[in-house]
Structures are given as C-alpha cells and as structure tokens.
C-alpha cells in the first residue's frame, strides 16, 4: 500500500494537462483583450467614417 502511495505521488503525468490548461486560459484571455481593444478601435473608425459621410 505504501509503495502504491509513493508511486502515485511521483506520477507527474497530470502536470502536463494542467500546464496546457493554463496556457489555453492565458491565450484565451489575451485574445479577449485584443478583440475588445480592436473592436472599440474599429467601431470608432466606422463611426468617424459615418459622421464624415
């Protein structure tokens, strides 16, 4: 039983899944921030063109 517990504690197979999850979450956060920022800039540009016309 003790050997099984030690083997489970040494197993780091799940760590890579956690790392990938963190990377995906960070990439999604960056994409959301970029879309929000660029979306506002594009909206302002279309508004400016609309007002000019």
C-alpha atoms as a PDB file:
ATOM      1  CA  UNK A   1       0.000   0.000   0.000  1.00  0.00           C
ATOM      2  CA  UNK A   2       2.806   2.399   0.887  1.00  0.00           C
ATOM      3  CA  UNK A   3       4.551   1.669  -2.429  1.00  0.00           C
ATOM      4  CA  UNK A   4       1.364   2.478  -4.334  1.00  0.00           C
ATOM      5  CA  UNK A   5       1.021   5.788  -2.497  1.00  0.00           C
ATOM      6  CA  UNK A   6       4.616   6.730  -3.282  1.00  0.00           C
ATOM      7  CA  UNK A   7       4.150   5.774  -6.923  1.00  0.00           C
ATOM      8  CA  UNK A   8       1.050   7.969  -7.127  1.00  0.00           C
ATOM      9  CA  UNK A   9       2.889  10.921  -5.584  1.00  0.00           C
ATOM     10  CA  UNK A  10       5.776  10.568  -8.029  1.00  0.00           C
ATOM     11  CA  UNK A  11       3.486  10.342 -11.054  1.00  0.00           C
ATOM     12  CA  UNK A  12       3.623  13.706 -12.843  1.00  0.00           C
ATOM     13  CA  UNK A  13       1.537  12.747 -15.873  1.00  0.00           C
ATOM     14  CA  UNK A  14      -1.310  15.083 -14.903  1.00  0.00           C
ATOM     15  CA  UNK A  15       1.008  18.073 -14.590  1.00  0.00           C
ATOM     16  CA  UNK A  16       1.282  18.464 -18.339  1.00  0.00           C
ATOM     17  CA  UNK A  17      -2.502  18.638 -18.634  1.00  0.00           C
ATOM     18  CA  UNK A  18      -2.593  21.400 -16.030  1.00  0.00           C
ATOM     19  CA  UNK A  19       0.128  23.287 -17.868  1.00  0.00           C
ATOM     20  CA  UNK A  20      -1.761  23.037 -21.149  1.00  0.00           C
ATOM     21  CA  UNK A  21      -4.913  24.225 -19.408  1.00  0.00           C
ATOM     22  CA  UNK A  22      -3.114  27.266 -18.020  1.00  0.00           C
ATOM     23  CA  UNK A  23      -1.647  28.060 -21.442  1.00  0.00           C
ATOM     24  CA  UNK A  24      -5.055  27.831 -23.105  1.00  0.00           C
ATOM     25  CA  UNK A  25      -6.581  30.072 -20.439  1.00  0.00           C
ATOM     26  CA  UNK A  26      -3.854  32.693 -20.905  1.00  0.00           C
ATOM     27  CA  UNK A  27      -4.176  32.610 -24.695  1.00  0.00           C
ATOM     28  CA  UNK A  28      -7.948  32.998 -24.402  1.00  0.00           C
ATOM     29  CA  UNK A  29      -7.528  35.958 -22.037  1.00  0.00           C
ATOM     30  CA  UNK A  30      -5.126  37.673 -24.433  1.00  0.00           C
ATOM     31  CA  UNK A  31      -7.499  37.074 -27.356  1.00  0.00           C
ATOM     32  CA  UNK A  32     -10.422  38.530 -25.421  1.00  0.00           C
ATOM     33  CA  UNK A  33      -8.443  41.640 -24.500  1.00  0.00           C
ATOM     34  CA  UNK A  34      -7.279  42.100 -28.102  1.00  0.00           C
ATOM     35  CA  UNK A  35     -10.771  41.691 -29.530  1.00  0.00           C
ATOM     36  CA  UNK A  36     -12.190  44.156 -27.022  1.00  0.00           C
ATOM     37  CA  UNK A  37      -9.479  46.721 -27.770  1.00  0.00           C
ATOM     38  CA  UNK A  38      -9.506  46.313 -31.543  1.00  0.00           C
ATOM     39  CA  UNK A  39     -13.289  46.112 -31.597  1.00  0.00           C
ATOM     40  CA  UNK A  40     -13.539  49.531 -29.980  1.00  0.00           C
ATOM     41  CA  UNK A  41     -10.987  50.982 -32.426  1.00  0.00           C
ATOM     42  CA  UNK A  42     -12.835  49.558 -35.416  1.00  0.00           C
ATOM     43  CA  UNK A  43     -16.140  50.839 -34.041  1.00  0.00           C
ATOM     44  CA  UNK A  44     -14.624  54.304 -33.646  1.00  0.00           C
ATOM     45  CA  UNK A  45     -13.269  54.212 -37.187  1.00  0.00           C
ATOM     46  CA  UNK A  46     -16.658  53.251 -38.654  1.00  0.00           C
ATOM     47  CA  UNK A  47     -18.326  55.960 -36.570  1.00  0.00           C
ATOM     48  CA  UNK A  48     -15.860  58.526 -37.877  1.00  0.00           C
ATOM     49  CA  UNK A  49     -16.486  57.488 -41.474  1.00  0.00           C
ATOM     50  CA  UNK A  50     -20.231  57.563 -40.872  1.00  0.00           C
ATOM     51  CA  UNK A  51     -20.046  61.077 -39.441  1.00  0.00           C
ATOM     52  CA  UNK A  52     -17.892  62.247 -42.344  1.00  0.00           C
ATOM     53  CA  UNK A  53     -20.398  60.980 -44.884  1.00  0.00           C
END
